[in-house]
């Protein structure tokens, strides 16, 4: 099972809400991150969609998109919300603090 970061989750929502191809450079600008960061997040998004038998299409100079009907998109959005209610998704700074806390309290190697 793929767990999405907060940004990957937001990216997936944008993809599910879009009916036209999204260009990575535009998404990167909107999220205020690098294009490489968006591509890294897309790896998780692709895996999440693949687990649900949905293909994220991509083509240079065109963008990325899915070809699902509205009803299936809505079901995916509900699935995404249901997954979120089961998983605590921490922002990056909080994840770092959490890992540091675990390391500080642990005995031995981690």
PDB file of N, CA and C in Angstrom:
ATOM      1  N   UNK A   1       0.843  -1.184   0.000  1.00  0.00           N
ATOM      2  CA  UNK A   1       0.000   0.000   0.000  1.00  0.00           C
ATOM      3  C   UNK A   1       0.884   1.242   0.000  1.00  0.00           C
ATOM      4  N   UNK A   2       0.577   2.167  -0.864  1.00  0.00           N
ATOM      5  CA  UNK A   2       1.349   3.401  -0.996  1.00  0.00           C
ATOM      6  C   UNK A   2       0.756   4.462  -0.075  1.00  0.00           C
ATOM      7  N   UNK A   3       1.621   5.106   0.697  1.00  0.00           N
ATOM      8  CA  UNK A   3       1.207   6.231   1.523  1.00  0.00           C
ATOM      9  C   UNK A   3       1.671   7.507   0.847  1.00  0.00           C
ATOM     10  N   UNK A   4       0.767   8.449   0.728  1.00  0.00           N
ATOM     11  CA  UNK A   4       1.069   9.695   0.042  1.00  0.00           C
ATOM     12  C   UNK A   4       1.485  10.773   1.045  1.00  0.00           C
ATOM     13  N   UNK A   5       2.453  11.563   0.639  1.00  0.00           N
ATOM     14  CA  UNK A   5       2.810  12.739   1.435  1.00  0.00           C
ATOM     15  C   UNK A   5       1.702  13.779   1.264  1.00  0.00           C
ATOM     16  N   UNK A   6       1.759  14.802   2.061  1.00  0.00           N
ATOM     17  CA  UNK A   6       0.769  15.866   1.964  1.00  0.00           C
ATOM     18  C   UNK A   6       0.775  16.482   0.567  1.00  0.00           C
ATOM     19  N   UNK A   7       1.973  16.708   0.032  1.00  0.00           N
ATOM     20  CA  UNK A   7       2.076  17.319  -1.297  1.00  0.00           C
ATOM     21  C   UNK A   7       1.606  16.346  -2.383  1.00  0.00           C
ATOM     22  N   UNK A   8       1.970  15.061  -2.268  1.00  0.00           N
ATOM     23  CA  UNK A   8       1.513  14.065  -3.241  1.00  0.00           C
ATOM     24  C   UNK A   8      -0.003  13.955  -3.227  1.00  0.00           C
ATOM     25  N   UNK A   9      -0.571  14.013  -2.043  1.00  0.00           N
ATOM     26  CA  UNK A   9      -2.023  13.979  -1.889  1.00  0.00           C
ATOM     27  C   UNK A   9      -2.667  15.176  -2.596  1.00  0.00           C
ATOM     28  N   UNK A  10      -2.110  16.359  -2.378  1.00  0.00           N
ATOM     29  CA  UNK A  10      -2.637  17.571  -3.023  1.00  0.00           C
ATOM     30  C   UNK A  10      -2.471  17.486  -4.541  1.00  0.00           C
ATOM     31  N   UNK A  11      -1.342  16.956  -4.992  1.00  0.00           N
ATOM     32  CA  UNK A  11      -1.095  16.793  -6.427  1.00  0.00           C
ATOM     33  C   UNK A  11      -2.118  15.843  -7.039  1.00  0.00           C
ATOM     34  N   UNK A  12      -2.394  14.752  -6.364  1.00  0.00           N
ATOM     35  CA  UNK A  12      -3.380  13.798  -6.862  1.00  0.00           C
ATOM     36  C   UNK A  12      -4.762  14.441  -6.954  1.00  0.00           C
ATOM     37  N   UNK A  13      -5.120  15.254  -5.987  1.00  0.00           N
ATOM     38  CA  UNK A  13      -6.409  15.962  -6.050  1.00  0.00           C
ATOM     39  C   UNK A  13      -6.472  16.858  -7.277  1.00  0.00           C
ATOM     40  N   UNK A  14      -5.375  17.562  -7.557  1.00  0.00           N
ATOM     41  CA  UNK A  14      -5.330  18.443  -8.734  1.00  0.00           C
ATOM     42  C   UNK A  14      -5.507  17.617 -10.004  1.00  0.00           C
ATOM     43  N   UNK A  15      -4.842  16.486 -10.082  1.00  0.00           N
ATOM     44  CA  UNK A  15      -4.944  15.620 -11.266  1.00  0.00           C
ATOM     45  C   UNK A  15      -6.371  15.105 -11.422  1.00  0.00           C
ATOM     46  N   UNK A  16      -6.980  14.666 -10.326  1.00  0.00           N
ATOM     47  CA  UNK A  16      -8.343  14.142 -10.392  1.00  0.00           C
ATOM     48  C   UNK A  16      -9.360  15.222 -10.772  1.00  0.00           C
ATOM     49  N   UNK A  17      -9.073  16.466 -10.418  1.00  0.00           N
ATOM     50  CA  UNK A  17      -9.987  17.567 -10.735  1.00  0.00           C
ATOM     51  C   UNK A  17      -9.779  18.147 -12.127  1.00  0.00           C
ATOM     52  N   UNK A  18      -8.674  17.770 -12.787  1.00  0.00           N
ATOM     53  CA  UNK A  18      -8.342  18.354 -14.076  1.00  0.00           C
ATOM     54  C   UNK A  18      -8.869  17.499 -15.229  1.00  0.00           C
ATOM     55  N   UNK A  19      -9.417  18.187 -16.220  1.00  0.00           N
ATOM     56  CA  UNK A  19      -9.902  17.484 -17.420  1.00  0.00           C
ATOM     57  C   UNK A  19      -9.053  17.791 -18.635  1.00  0.00           C
ATOM     58  N   UNK A  20      -7.913  18.390 -18.395  1.00  0.00           N
ATOM     59  CA  UNK A  20      -6.966  18.664 -19.471  1.00  0.00           C
ATOM     60  C   UNK A  20      -5.574  18.313 -18.959  1.00  0.00           C
ATOM     61  N   UNK A  21      -4.634  18.066 -19.843  1.00  0.00           N
ATOM     62  CA  UNK A  21      -3.277  17.708 -19.404  1.00  0.00           C
ATOM     63  C   UNK A  21      -2.629  18.819 -18.580  1.00  0.00           C
ATOM     64  N   UNK A  22      -1.960  18.419 -17.527  1.00  0.00           N
ATOM     65  CA  UNK A  22      -1.248  19.356 -16.657  1.00  0.00           C
ATOM     66  C   UNK A  22       0.238  19.298 -16.971  1.00  0.00           C
ATOM     67  N   UNK A  23       0.843  20.438 -17.153  1.00  0.00           N
ATOM     68  CA  UNK A  23       2.286  20.487 -17.404  1.00  0.00           C
ATOM     69  C   UNK A  23       3.017  20.532 -16.075  1.00  0.00           C
ATOM     70  N   UNK A  24       4.089  19.757 -15.982  1.00  0.00           N
ATOM     71  CA  UNK A  24       4.846  19.650 -14.748  1.00  0.00           C
ATOM     72  C   UNK A  24       5.382  21.008 -14.314  1.00  0.00           C
ATOM     73  N   UNK A  25       5.830  21.811 -15.256  1.00  0.00           N
ATOM     74  CA  UNK A  25       6.377  23.123 -14.879  1.00  0.00           C
ATOM     75  C   UNK A  25       5.295  24.000 -14.253  1.00  0.00           C
ATOM     76  N   UNK A  26       4.040  23.891 -14.729  1.00  0.00           N
ATOM     77  CA  UNK A  26       2.954  24.672 -14.154  1.00  0.00           C
ATOM     78  C   UNK A  26       2.598  24.173 -12.751  1.00  0.00           C
ATOM     79  N   UNK A  27       2.587  22.859 -12.589  1.00  0.00           N
ATOM     80  CA  UNK A  27       2.308  22.272 -11.278  1.00  0.00           C
ATOM     81  C   UNK A  27       3.402  22.672 -10.295  1.00  0.00           C
ATOM     82  N   UNK A  28       4.658  22.608 -10.737  1.00  0.00           N
ATOM     83  CA  UNK A  28       5.782  22.993  -9.876  1.00  0.00           C
ATOM     84  C   UNK A  28       5.651  24.452  -9.445  1.00  0.00           C
ATOM     85  N   UNK A  29       5.276  25.302 -10.359  1.00  0.00           N
ATOM     86  CA  UNK A  29       5.090  26.721 -10.036  1.00  0.00           C
ATOM     87  C   UNK A  29       3.960  26.896  -9.023  1.00  0.00           C
ATOM     88  N   UNK A  30       2.838  26.216  -9.245  1.00  0.00           N
ATOM     89  CA  UNK A  30       1.685  26.339  -8.354  1.00  0.00           C
ATOM     90  C   UNK A  30       2.000  25.829  -6.943  1.00  0.00           C
ATOM     91  N   UNK A  31       2.792  24.757  -6.863  1.00  0.00           N
ATOM     92  CA  UNK A  31       3.150  24.179  -5.566  1.00  0.00           C
ATOM     93  C   UNK A  31       4.415  24.818  -4.974  1.00  0.00           C
ATOM     94  N   UNK A  32       5.044  25.689  -5.737  1.00  0.00           N
ATOM     95  CA  UNK A  32       6.268  26.385  -5.328  1.00  0.00           C
ATOM     96  C   UNK A  32       7.388  25.397  -4.964  1.00  0.00           C
ATOM     97  N   UNK A  33       7.574  24.422  -5.843  1.00  0.00           N
ATOM     98  CA  UNK A  33       8.650  23.444  -5.701  1.00  0.00           C
ATOM     99  C   UNK A  33       9.313  23.266  -7.060  1.00  0.00           C
ATOM    100  N   UNK A  34      10.395  22.505  -7.087  1.00  0.00           N
ATOM    101  CA  UNK A  34      11.078  22.258  -8.358  1.00  0.00           C
ATOM    102  C   UNK A  34      10.325  21.211  -9.182  1.00  0.00           C
ATOM    103  N   UNK A  35      10.619  21.189 -10.466  1.00  0.00           N
ATOM    104  CA  UNK A  35      10.023  20.182 -11.339  1.00  0.00           C
ATOM    105  C   UNK A  35      10.462  18.787 -10.905  1.00  0.00           C
ATOM    106  N   UNK A  36      11.697  18.657 -10.441  1.00  0.00           N
ATOM    107  CA  UNK A  36      12.188  17.363  -9.961  1.00  0.00           C
ATOM    108  C   UNK A  36      11.372  16.876  -8.753  1.00  0.00           C
ATOM    109  N   UNK A  37      11.015  17.799  -7.879  1.00  0.00           N
ATOM    110  CA  UNK A  37      10.203  17.444  -6.714  1.00  0.00           C
ATOM    111  C   UNK A  37       8.834  16.933  -7.154  1.00  0.00           C
ATOM    112  N   UNK A  38       8.246  17.588  -8.143  1.00  0.00           N
ATOM    113  CA  UNK A  38       6.953  17.144  -8.665  1.00  0.00           C
ATOM    114  C   UNK A  38       7.096  15.749  -9.269  1.00  0.00           C
ATOM    115  N   UNK A  39       8.162  15.517 -10.016  1.00  0.00           N
ATOM    116  CA  UNK A  39       8.375  14.198 -10.621  1.00  0.00           C
ATOM    117  C   UNK A  39       8.534  13.126  -9.548  1.00  0.00           C
ATOM    118  N   UNK A  40       9.215  13.465  -8.460  1.00  0.00           N
ATOM    119  CA  UNK A  40       9.367  12.524  -7.356  1.00  0.00           C
ATOM    120  C   UNK A  40       7.997  12.213  -6.746  1.00  0.00           C
ATOM    121  N   UNK A  41       7.177  13.240  -6.522  1.00  0.00           N
ATOM    122  CA  UNK A  41       5.834  13.036  -5.990  1.00  0.00           C
ATOM    123  C   UNK A  41       4.970  12.222  -6.950  1.00  0.00           C
ATOM    124  N   UNK A  42       5.176  12.412  -8.239  1.00  0.00           N
ATOM    125  CA  UNK A  42       4.395  11.675  -9.233  1.00  0.00           C
ATOM    126  C   UNK A  42       4.655  10.175  -9.173  1.00  0.00           C
ATOM    127  N   UNK A  43       5.846   9.779  -8.733  1.00  0.00           N
ATOM    128  CA  UNK A  43       6.129   8.349  -8.568  1.00  0.00           C
ATOM    129  C   UNK A  43       5.139   7.738  -7.577  1.00  0.00           C
ATOM    130  N   UNK A  44       4.918   8.415  -6.452  1.00  0.00           N
ATOM    131  CA  UNK A  44       3.966   7.926  -5.451  1.00  0.00           C
ATOM    132  C   UNK A  44       2.537   7.974  -5.975  1.00  0.00           C
ATOM    133  N   UNK A  45       2.203   9.052  -6.674  1.00  0.00           N
ATOM    134  CA  UNK A  45       0.856   9.188  -7.226  1.00  0.00           C
ATOM    135  C   UNK A  45       0.591   8.069  -8.232  1.00  0.00           C
ATOM    136  N   UNK A  46       1.560   7.796  -9.094  1.00  0.00           N
ATOM    137  CA  UNK A  46       1.407   6.710 -10.083  1.00  0.00           C
ATOM    138  C   UNK A  46       1.166   5.378  -9.387  1.00  0.00           C
ATOM    139  N   UNK A  47       1.925   5.119  -8.328  1.00  0.00           N
ATOM    140  CA  UNK A  47       1.776   3.853  -7.596  1.00  0.00           C
ATOM    141  C   UNK A  47       0.395   3.773  -6.956  1.00  0.00           C
ATOM    142  N   UNK A  48      -0.058   4.864  -6.356  1.00  0.00           N
ATOM    143  CA  UNK A  48      -1.374   4.889  -5.721  1.00  0.00           C
ATOM    144  C   UNK A  48      -2.454   4.600  -6.762  1.00  0.00           C
ATOM    145  N   UNK A  49      -2.351   5.252  -7.906  1.00  0.00           N
ATOM    146  CA  UNK A  49      -3.323   5.032  -8.975  1.00  0.00           C
ATOM    147  C   UNK A  49      -3.230   3.612  -9.534  1.00  0.00           C
ATOM    148  N   UNK A  50      -2.016   3.110  -9.677  1.00  0.00           N
ATOM    149  CA  UNK A  50      -1.812   1.753 -10.211  1.00  0.00           C
ATOM    150  C   UNK A  50      -2.479   0.714  -9.317  1.00  0.00           C
ATOM    151  N   UNK A  51      -2.420   0.920  -8.008  1.00  0.00           N
ATOM    152  CA  UNK A  51      -3.085   0.011  -7.069  1.00  0.00           C
ATOM    153  C   UNK A  51      -4.591  -0.010  -7.285  1.00  0.00           C
ATOM    154  N   UNK A  52      -5.103   1.019  -7.933  1.00  0.00           N
ATOM    155  CA  UNK A  52      -6.531   1.132  -8.199  1.00  0.00           C
ATOM    156  C   UNK A  52      -6.848   0.961  -9.693  1.00  0.00           C
ATOM    157  N   UNK A  53      -5.879   0.402 -10.415  1.00  0.00           N
ATOM    158  CA  UNK A  53      -6.029   0.112 -11.849  1.00  0.00           C
ATOM    159  C   UNK A  53      -6.327   1.346 -12.696  1.00  0.00           C
ATOM    160  N   UNK A  54      -5.667   2.438 -12.359  1.00  0.00           N
ATOM    161  CA  UNK A  54      -5.796   3.679 -13.123  1.00  0.00           C
ATOM    162  C   UNK A  54      -4.409   4.060 -13.629  1.00  0.00           C
ATOM    163  N   UNK A  55      -4.348   4.453 -14.879  1.00  0.00           N
ATOM    164  CA  UNK A  55      -3.079   4.838 -15.487  1.00  0.00           C
ATOM    165  C   UNK A  55      -2.973   6.357 -15.521  1.00  0.00           C
ATOM    166  N   UNK A  56      -1.835   6.853 -15.052  1.00  0.00           N
ATOM    167  CA  UNK A  56      -1.527   8.277 -15.189  1.00  0.00           C
ATOM    168  C   UNK A  56      -0.728   8.420 -16.475  1.00  0.00           C
ATOM    169  N   UNK A  57      -1.340   9.002 -17.480  1.00  0.00           N
ATOM    170  CA  UNK A  57      -0.694   9.181 -18.777  1.00  0.00           C
ATOM    171  C   UNK A  57       0.223  10.399 -18.731  1.00  0.00           C
ATOM    172  N   UNK A  58       1.319  10.322 -19.454  1.00  0.00           N
ATOM    173  CA  UNK A  58       2.200  11.487 -19.565  1.00  0.00           C
ATOM    174  C   UNK A  58       2.860  11.480 -20.937  1.00  0.00           C
ATOM    175  N   UNK A  59       3.084  12.682 -21.423  1.00  0.00           N
ATOM    176  CA  UNK A  59       3.699  12.846 -22.734  1.00  0.00           C
ATOM    177  C   UNK A  59       4.460  14.164 -22.739  1.00  0.00           C
ATOM    178  N   UNK A  60       5.722  14.137 -23.209  1.00  0.00           N
ATOM    179  CA  UNK A  60       6.485  15.386 -23.266  1.00  0.00           C
ATOM    180  C   UNK A  60       5.743  16.453 -24.079  1.00  0.00           C
ATOM    181  N   UNK A  61       5.842  17.673 -23.642  1.00  0.00           N
ATOM    182  CA  UNK A  61       5.213  18.834 -24.278  1.00  0.00           C
ATOM    183  C   UNK A  61       3.685  18.808 -24.269  1.00  0.00           C
ATOM    184  N   UNK A  62       3.117  17.809 -23.652  1.00  0.00           N
ATOM    185  CA  UNK A  62       1.659  17.756 -23.524  1.00  0.00           C
ATOM    186  C   UNK A  62       1.261  17.815 -22.055  1.00  0.00           C
ATOM    187  N   UNK A  63       1.885  16.994 -21.215  1.00  0.00           N
ATOM    188  CA  UNK A  63       1.594  17.002 -19.787  1.00  0.00           C
ATOM    189  C   UNK A  63       1.193  15.642 -19.280  1.00  0.00           C
ATOM    190  N   UNK A  64       0.452  15.644 -18.182  1.00  0.00           N
ATOM    191  CA  UNK A  64      -0.023  14.397 -17.597  1.00  0.00           C
ATOM    192  C   UNK A  64      -1.511  14.490 -17.343  1.00  0.00           C
ATOM    193  N   UNK A  65      -2.173  13.314 -17.433  1.00  0.00           N
ATOM    194  CA  UNK A  65      -3.620  13.284 -17.317  1.00  0.00           C
ATOM    195  C   UNK A  65      -4.089  11.865 -17.055  1.00  0.00           C
ATOM    196  N   UNK A  66      -5.322  11.744 -16.606  1.00  0.00           N
ATOM    197  CA  UNK A  66      -5.979  10.444 -16.516  1.00  0.00           C
ATOM    198  C   UNK A  66      -7.214  10.497 -17.402  1.00  0.00           C
ATOM    199  N   UNK A  67      -7.674   9.336 -17.844  1.00  0.00           N
ATOM    200  CA  UNK A  67      -8.789   9.295 -18.791  1.00  0.00           C
ATOM    201  C   UNK A  67     -10.048   8.695 -18.166  1.00  0.00           C
ATOM    202  N   UNK A  68     -10.203   8.856 -16.875  1.00  0.00           N
ATOM    203  CA  UNK A  68     -11.354   8.277 -16.182  1.00  0.00           C
ATOM    204  C   UNK A  68     -12.580   9.181 -16.291  1.00  0.00           C
ATOM    205  N   UNK A  69     -13.747   8.552 -16.294  1.00  0.00           N
ATOM    206  CA  UNK A  69     -15.007   9.289 -16.317  1.00  0.00           C
ATOM    207  C   UNK A  69     -15.243   9.937 -14.950  1.00  0.00           C
ATOM    208  N   UNK A  70     -16.152  10.903 -14.916  1.00  0.00           N
ATOM    209  CA  UNK A  70     -16.432  11.660 -13.693  1.00  0.00           C
ATOM    210  C   UNK A  70     -16.813  10.748 -12.525  1.00  0.00           C
ATOM    211  N   UNK A  71     -17.620   9.759 -12.783  1.00  0.00           N
ATOM    212  CA  UNK A  71     -18.072   8.852 -11.723  1.00  0.00           C
ATOM    213  C   UNK A  71     -16.888   8.124 -11.085  1.00  0.00           C
ATOM    214  N   UNK A  72     -15.967   7.658 -11.918  1.00  0.00           N
ATOM    215  CA  UNK A  72     -14.791   6.963 -11.397  1.00  0.00           C
ATOM    216  C   UNK A  72     -13.852   7.937 -10.687  1.00  0.00           C
ATOM    217  N   UNK A  73     -13.737   9.141 -11.201  1.00  0.00           N
ATOM    218  CA  UNK A  73     -12.923  10.173 -10.534  1.00  0.00           C
ATOM    219  C   UNK A  73     -13.466  10.448  -9.140  1.00  0.00           C
ATOM    220  N   UNK A  74     -14.790  10.546  -9.037  1.00  0.00           N
ATOM    221  CA  UNK A  74     -15.410  10.787  -7.731  1.00  0.00           C
ATOM    222  C   UNK A  74     -15.137   9.631  -6.778  1.00  0.00           C
ATOM    223  N   UNK A  75     -15.192   8.410  -7.286  1.00  0.00           N
ATOM    224  CA  UNK A  75     -14.900   7.239  -6.456  1.00  0.00           C
ATOM    225  C   UNK A  75     -13.445   7.268  -5.988  1.00  0.00           C
ATOM    226  N   UNK A  76     -12.532   7.684  -6.863  1.00  0.00           N
ATOM    227  CA  UNK A  76     -11.127   7.794  -6.488  1.00  0.00           C
ATOM    228  C   UNK A  76     -10.929   8.862  -5.415  1.00  0.00           C
ATOM    229  N   UNK A  77     -11.645   9.978  -5.546  1.00  0.00           N
ATOM    230  CA  UNK A  77     -11.558  11.039  -4.532  1.00  0.00           C
ATOM    231  C   UNK A  77     -12.050  10.535  -3.177  1.00  0.00           C
ATOM    232  N   UNK A  78     -13.148   9.778  -3.186  1.00  0.00           N
ATOM    233  CA  UNK A  78     -13.662   9.206  -1.935  1.00  0.00           C
ATOM    234  C   UNK A  78     -12.656   8.225  -1.350  1.00  0.00           C
ATOM    235  N   UNK A  79     -12.051   7.426  -2.209  1.00  0.00           N
ATOM    236  CA  UNK A  79     -11.034   6.471  -1.777  1.00  0.00           C
ATOM    237  C   UNK A  79      -9.849   7.198  -1.164  1.00  0.00           C
ATOM    238  N   UNK A  80      -9.471   8.300  -1.769  1.00  0.00           N
ATOM    239  CA  UNK A  80      -8.361   9.109  -1.275  1.00  0.00           C
ATOM    240  C   UNK A  80      -8.686   9.664   0.111  1.00  0.00           C
ATOM    241  N   UNK A  81      -9.888  10.153   0.292  1.00  0.00           N
ATOM    242  CA  UNK A  81     -10.307  10.677   1.596  1.00  0.00           C
ATOM    243  C   UNK A  81     -10.359   9.565   2.640  1.00  0.00           C
ATOM    244  N   UNK A  82     -10.834   8.402   2.250  1.00  0.00           N
ATOM    245  CA  UNK A  82     -10.915   7.261   3.169  1.00  0.00           C
ATOM    246  C   UNK A  82      -9.520   6.832   3.605  1.00  0.00           C
ATOM    247  N   UNK A  83      -8.577   6.803   2.676  1.00  0.00           N
ATOM    248  CA  UNK A  83      -7.193   6.464   3.009  1.00  0.00           C
ATOM    249  C   UNK A  83      -6.608   7.478   3.987  1.00  0.00           C
ATOM    250  N   UNK A  84      -6.946   8.751   3.787  1.00  0.00           N
ATOM    251  CA  UNK A  84      -6.433   9.805   4.660  1.00  0.00           C
ATOM    252  C   UNK A  84      -6.930   9.660   6.080  1.00  0.00           C
ATOM    253  N   UNK A  85      -8.164   9.215   6.236  1.00  0.00           N
ATOM    254  CA  UNK A  85      -8.707   9.100   7.583  1.00  0.00           C
ATOM    255  C   UNK A  85      -8.014   7.986   8.359  1.00  0.00           C
ATOM    256  N   UNK A  86      -7.373   7.054   7.669  1.00  0.00           N
ATOM    257  CA  UNK A  86      -6.666   5.952   8.324  1.00  0.00           C
ATOM    258  C   UNK A  86      -5.206   6.271   8.583  1.00  0.00           C
ATOM    259  N   UNK A  87      -4.673   7.257   7.894  1.00  0.00           N
ATOM    260  CA  UNK A  87      -3.246   7.530   7.937  1.00  0.00           C
ATOM    261  C   UNK A  87      -2.983   8.951   8.399  1.00  0.00           C
ATOM    262  N   UNK A  88      -2.064   9.072   9.335  1.00  0.00           N
ATOM    263  CA  UNK A  88      -1.634  10.389   9.765  1.00  0.00           C
ATOM    264  C   UNK A  88      -0.517  10.836   8.836  1.00  0.00           C
ATOM    265  N   UNK A  89      -0.752  11.906   8.108  1.00  0.00           N
ATOM    266  CA  UNK A  89       0.245  12.428   7.191  1.00  0.00           C
ATOM    267  C   UNK A  89       0.836  13.682   7.808  1.00  0.00           C
ATOM    268  N   UNK A  90       2.092  13.595   8.182  1.00  0.00           N
ATOM    269  CA  UNK A  90       2.756  14.720   8.820  1.00  0.00           C
ATOM    270  C   UNK A  90       3.495  15.565   7.795  1.00  0.00           C
ATOM    271  N   UNK A  91       3.514  16.874   8.009  1.00  0.00           N
ATOM    272  CA  UNK A  91       4.362  17.729   7.161  1.00  0.00           C
ATOM    273  C   UNK A  91       5.837  17.362   7.381  1.00  0.00           C
ATOM    274  N   UNK A  92       6.685  17.747   6.449  1.00  0.00           N
ATOM    275  CA  UNK A  92       8.089  17.349   6.478  1.00  0.00           C
ATOM    276  C   UNK A  92       8.768  17.712   7.797  1.00  0.00           C
ATOM    277  N   UNK A  93       8.595  18.922   8.298  1.00  0.00           N
ATOM    278  CA  UNK A  93       9.254  19.338   9.538  1.00  0.00           C
ATOM    279  C   UNK A  93       8.831  18.455  10.707  1.00  0.00           C
ATOM    280  N   UNK A  94       7.558  18.103  10.761  1.00  0.00           N
ATOM    281  CA  UNK A  94       7.070  17.245  11.839  1.00  0.00           C
ATOM    282  C   UNK A  94       7.595  15.819  11.698  1.00  0.00           C
ATOM    283  N   UNK A  95       7.739  15.337  10.450  1.00  0.00           N
ATOM    284  CA  UNK A  95       8.315  14.002  10.244  1.00  0.00           C
ATOM    285  C   UNK A  95       9.753  13.959  10.732  1.00  0.00           C
ATOM    286  N   UNK A  96      10.517  15.009  10.446  1.00  0.00           N
ATOM    287  CA  UNK A  96      11.909  15.069  10.897  1.00  0.00           C
ATOM    288  C   UNK A  96      11.957  15.033  12.420  1.00  0.00           C
ATOM    289  N   UNK A  97      11.109  15.821  13.068  1.00  0.00           N
ATOM    290  CA  UNK A  97      11.064  15.825  14.536  1.00  0.00           C
ATOM    291  C   UNK A  97      10.698  14.442  15.073  1.00  0.00           C
ATOM    292  N   UNK A  98       9.734  13.809  14.431  1.00  0.00           N
ATOM    293  CA  UNK A  98       9.302  12.472  14.847  1.00  0.00           C
ATOM    294  C   UNK A  98      10.449  11.464  14.745  1.00  0.00           C
ATOM    295  N   UNK A  99      11.155  11.472  13.621  1.00  0.00           N
ATOM    296  CA  UNK A  99      12.281  10.552  13.447  1.00  0.00           C
ATOM    297  C   UNK A  99      13.400  10.845  14.435  1.00  0.00           C
ATOM    298  N   UNK A 100      13.681  12.108  14.687  1.00  0.00           N
ATOM    299  CA  UNK A 100      14.706  12.465  15.670  1.00  0.00           C
ATOM    300  C   UNK A 100      14.318  11.976  17.059  1.00  0.00           C
ATOM    301  N   UNK A 101      13.062  12.120  17.393  1.00  0.00           N
ATOM    302  CA  UNK A 101      12.563  11.654  18.678  1.00  0.00           C
ATOM    303  C   UNK A 101      12.751  10.142  18.815  1.00  0.00           C
ATOM    304  N   UNK A 102      12.405   9.405  17.771  1.00  0.00           N
ATOM    305  CA  UNK A 102      12.584   7.946  17.775  1.00  0.00           C
ATOM    306  C   UNK A 102      14.055   7.591  17.950  1.00  0.00           C
ATOM    307  N   UNK A 103      14.929   8.273  17.219  1.00  0.00           N
ATOM    308  CA  UNK A 103      16.368   8.001  17.323  1.00  0.00           C
ATOM    309  C   UNK A 103      16.911   8.303  18.712  1.00  0.00           C
ATOM    310  N   UNK A 104      16.473   9.402  19.274  1.00  0.00           N
ATOM    311  CA  UNK A 104      16.965   9.784  20.596  1.00  0.00           C
ATOM    312  C   UNK A 104      16.528   8.805  21.689  1.00  0.00           C
ATOM    313  N   UNK A 105      15.352   8.238  21.530  1.00  0.00           N
ATOM    314  CA  UNK A 105      14.836   7.318  22.543  1.00  0.00           C
ATOM    315  C   UNK A 105      15.247   5.868  22.329  1.00  0.00           C
ATOM    316  N   UNK A 106      15.815   5.580  21.198  1.00  0.00           N
ATOM    317  CA  UNK A 106      16.146   4.189  20.896  1.00  0.00           C
ATOM    318  C   UNK A 106      17.476   3.781  21.496  1.00  0.00           C
ATOM    319  N   UNK A 107      17.572   2.519  21.807  1.00  0.00           N
ATOM    320  CA  UNK A 107      18.820   1.940  22.248  1.00  0.00           C
ATOM    321  C   UNK A 107      19.340   1.075  21.103  1.00  0.00           C
ATOM    322  N   UNK A 108      20.531   1.297  20.702  1.00  0.00           N
ATOM    323  CA  UNK A 108      21.087   0.504  19.613  1.00  0.00           C
ATOM    324  C   UNK A 108      20.878   1.157  18.264  1.00  0.00           C
ATOM    325  N   UNK A 109      21.073   0.367  17.243  1.00  0.00           N
ATOM    326  CA  UNK A 109      21.014   0.855  15.872  1.00  0.00           C
ATOM    327  C   UNK A 109      19.569   0.936  15.368  1.00  0.00           C
ATOM    328  N   UNK A 110      19.343   1.887  14.491  1.00  0.00           N
ATOM    329  CA  UNK A 110      18.031   2.037  13.850  1.00  0.00           C
ATOM    330  C   UNK A 110      18.219   2.048  12.351  1.00  0.00           C
TER     331      UNK A 110
END
